[in-house]
Protein backbone atom coordinates (compact mmCIF):
# COMPACT_ATOMS: atom_id res chain seq x y z
CA GLN A 1 43.75 115.51 101.77
CA VAL A 2 41.90 113.21 104.13
CA ARG A 3 38.80 111.67 102.62
CA LEU A 4 36.10 109.55 104.19
CA VAL A 5 33.72 107.85 101.79
CA GLU A 6 30.48 106.27 102.99
CA SER A 7 28.39 103.72 101.18
CA GLY A 8 25.60 101.26 101.89
CA GLY A 9 22.67 103.54 102.51
CA GLY A 10 19.31 102.98 100.92
CA LEU A 11 15.66 102.20 101.43
CA VAL A 12 14.73 99.37 103.75
CA GLN A 13 11.54 98.16 105.38
CA PRO A 14 11.04 98.31 109.13
CA GLY A 15 12.75 95.35 110.74
CA GLY A 16 15.25 95.10 107.93
CA SER A 17 19.01 95.48 107.93
CA LEU A 18 21.68 97.56 106.26
CA ARG A 19 25.44 97.66 106.54
CA LEU A 20 27.15 100.99 106.08
CA SER A 21 30.79 101.22 105.12
CA CYS A 22 33.24 104.06 105.51
CA THR A 23 36.56 103.82 103.73
CA THR A 24 39.40 106.15 104.63
CA SER A 25 41.83 107.63 102.14
CA GLY A 26 44.79 106.47 104.18
CA SER A 27 45.46 104.05 106.97
CA ILE A 28 42.59 103.74 109.39
CA ARG A 29 45.22 103.56 112.12
CA PHE A 30 45.83 107.26 111.53
CA PHE A 31 42.72 107.94 113.59
CA ASN A 32 42.18 107.51 117.30
CA VAL A 33 38.40 107.31 117.12
CA LEU A 34 36.00 106.50 114.31
CA GLY A 35 32.28 106.92 114.51
CA TRP A 36 28.95 107.14 112.83
CA TYR A 37 26.80 110.19 113.37
CA ARG A 38 23.32 110.60 112.07
CA GLN A 39 20.94 113.45 111.49
CA GLY A 40 17.26 112.80 110.93
CA PRO A 41 14.73 115.26 109.53
CA GLY A 42 14.30 118.17 111.92
CA LYS A 43 16.73 116.66 114.40
CA GLU A 44 20.18 117.52 115.64
CA ARG A 45 23.14 115.45 114.61
CA GLU A 46 23.84 112.71 117.12
CA LEU A 47 26.51 110.11 117.64
CA ALA A 48 25.11 106.69 116.91
CA ALA A 49 28.24 104.62 117.49
CA SER A 50 31.98 104.96 117.89
CA ILE A 51 35.02 102.74 118.02
CA ASP A 52 38.53 103.60 119.12
CA TYR A 53 41.96 102.22 118.30
CA GLY A 54 41.57 99.54 120.94
CA ASN A 55 38.16 98.50 119.60
CA THR A 56 36.30 99.96 122.54
CA THR A 57 32.81 100.78 121.34
CA ASP A 58 30.07 103.12 122.46
CA TYR A 59 26.49 103.33 121.31
CA ALA A 60 23.62 105.71 121.66
CA ASP A 61 20.89 104.27 123.84
CA SER A 62 18.52 104.39 120.90
CA VAL A 63 20.61 101.92 118.87
CA LYS A 64 22.01 99.60 121.53
CA GLY A 65 21.34 95.98 120.78
CA ARG A 66 20.54 96.74 117.16
CA PHE A 67 23.64 98.40 115.70
CA THR A 68 27.19 97.12 115.69
CA ILE A 69 30.24 99.16 114.76
CA SER A 70 33.40 97.40 113.66
CA ARG A 71 36.61 98.08 111.81
CA ASP A 72 38.76 96.24 109.30
CA ASP A 73 42.24 97.70 109.32
CA ALA A 74 43.33 95.70 106.28
CA ARG A 75 40.60 97.36 104.24
CA ASN A 76 40.83 100.76 105.94
CA THR A 77 37.12 100.51 106.56
CA VAL A 78 34.74 101.01 109.44
CA TYR A 79 31.32 99.39 109.30
CA LEU A 80 27.98 99.99 110.89
CA GLN A 81 25.76 96.94 110.85
CA MET A 82 22.18 98.05 111.44
CA ASN A 83 19.57 95.45 112.31
CA SER A 84 15.93 95.67 113.33
CA LEU A 85 15.68 99.06 111.71
CA LYS A 86 12.92 101.42 112.76
CA PRO A 87 11.41 104.39 110.95
CA GLU A 88 13.07 106.68 113.49
CA ASP A 89 16.45 105.44 112.25
CA THR A 90 15.83 107.35 109.03
CA ALA A 91 18.66 109.85 108.72
CA VAL A 92 21.74 110.84 106.85
CA TYR A 93 24.58 108.85 108.34
CA PHE A 94 28.00 110.48 108.43
CA CYS A 95 31.33 108.84 108.96
CA ASN A 96 33.50 110.69 111.43
CA ALA A 97 37.18 110.26 112.18
CA ARG A 98 39.26 111.95 114.82
CA ARG A 99 42.96 112.17 115.48
CA LEU A 100 44.43 113.61 118.62
CA GLN A 101 47.61 115.58 118.14
CA VAL A 102 47.88 118.74 120.21
CA THR A 103 44.15 119.05 119.81
CA TRP A 104 41.55 116.94 118.03
CA MET A 105 41.52 116.99 114.25
CA ILE A 106 38.09 116.02 113.00
CA TYR A 107 37.11 114.73 109.58
CA TRP A 108 33.72 114.05 108.03
CA GLY A 109 32.44 111.99 105.18
CA GLN A 110 29.77 113.22 102.81
CA GLY A 111 26.99 111.18 104.36
CA THR A 112 24.79 108.38 103.12
CA GLN A 113 21.00 108.41 103.29
CA VAL A 114 19.20 105.68 105.19
CA THR A 115 15.44 105.59 104.84
CA VAL A 116 13.35 103.13 106.82
CA SER A 117 9.81 102.97 105.52
CA SER A 118 7.14 100.50 104.57
């Protein structure tokens, strides 16, 4: 089965940084698009950042300039570097991977909690 495993969440002060990691059970090249979604308390899940097979990236307006998504194919890992964190960044962050065959096949990690608080 396909597994996505996130790590790197935790408690950080406003203005601090965290780096999230998502490791895939198989080759990261299996997926066309990888991304990080997040869901804060009382909020809908939203796409924070994504990266495709050609390393084209997209970011939510709320994280542009602060978050950077990247991938390391040798380690089958996608990262989310989060800088200048704000309390509103508090959320469960989910790794997401998609593969286009006839239709999209979508996979989710278990999520990792990020809490930004003083």
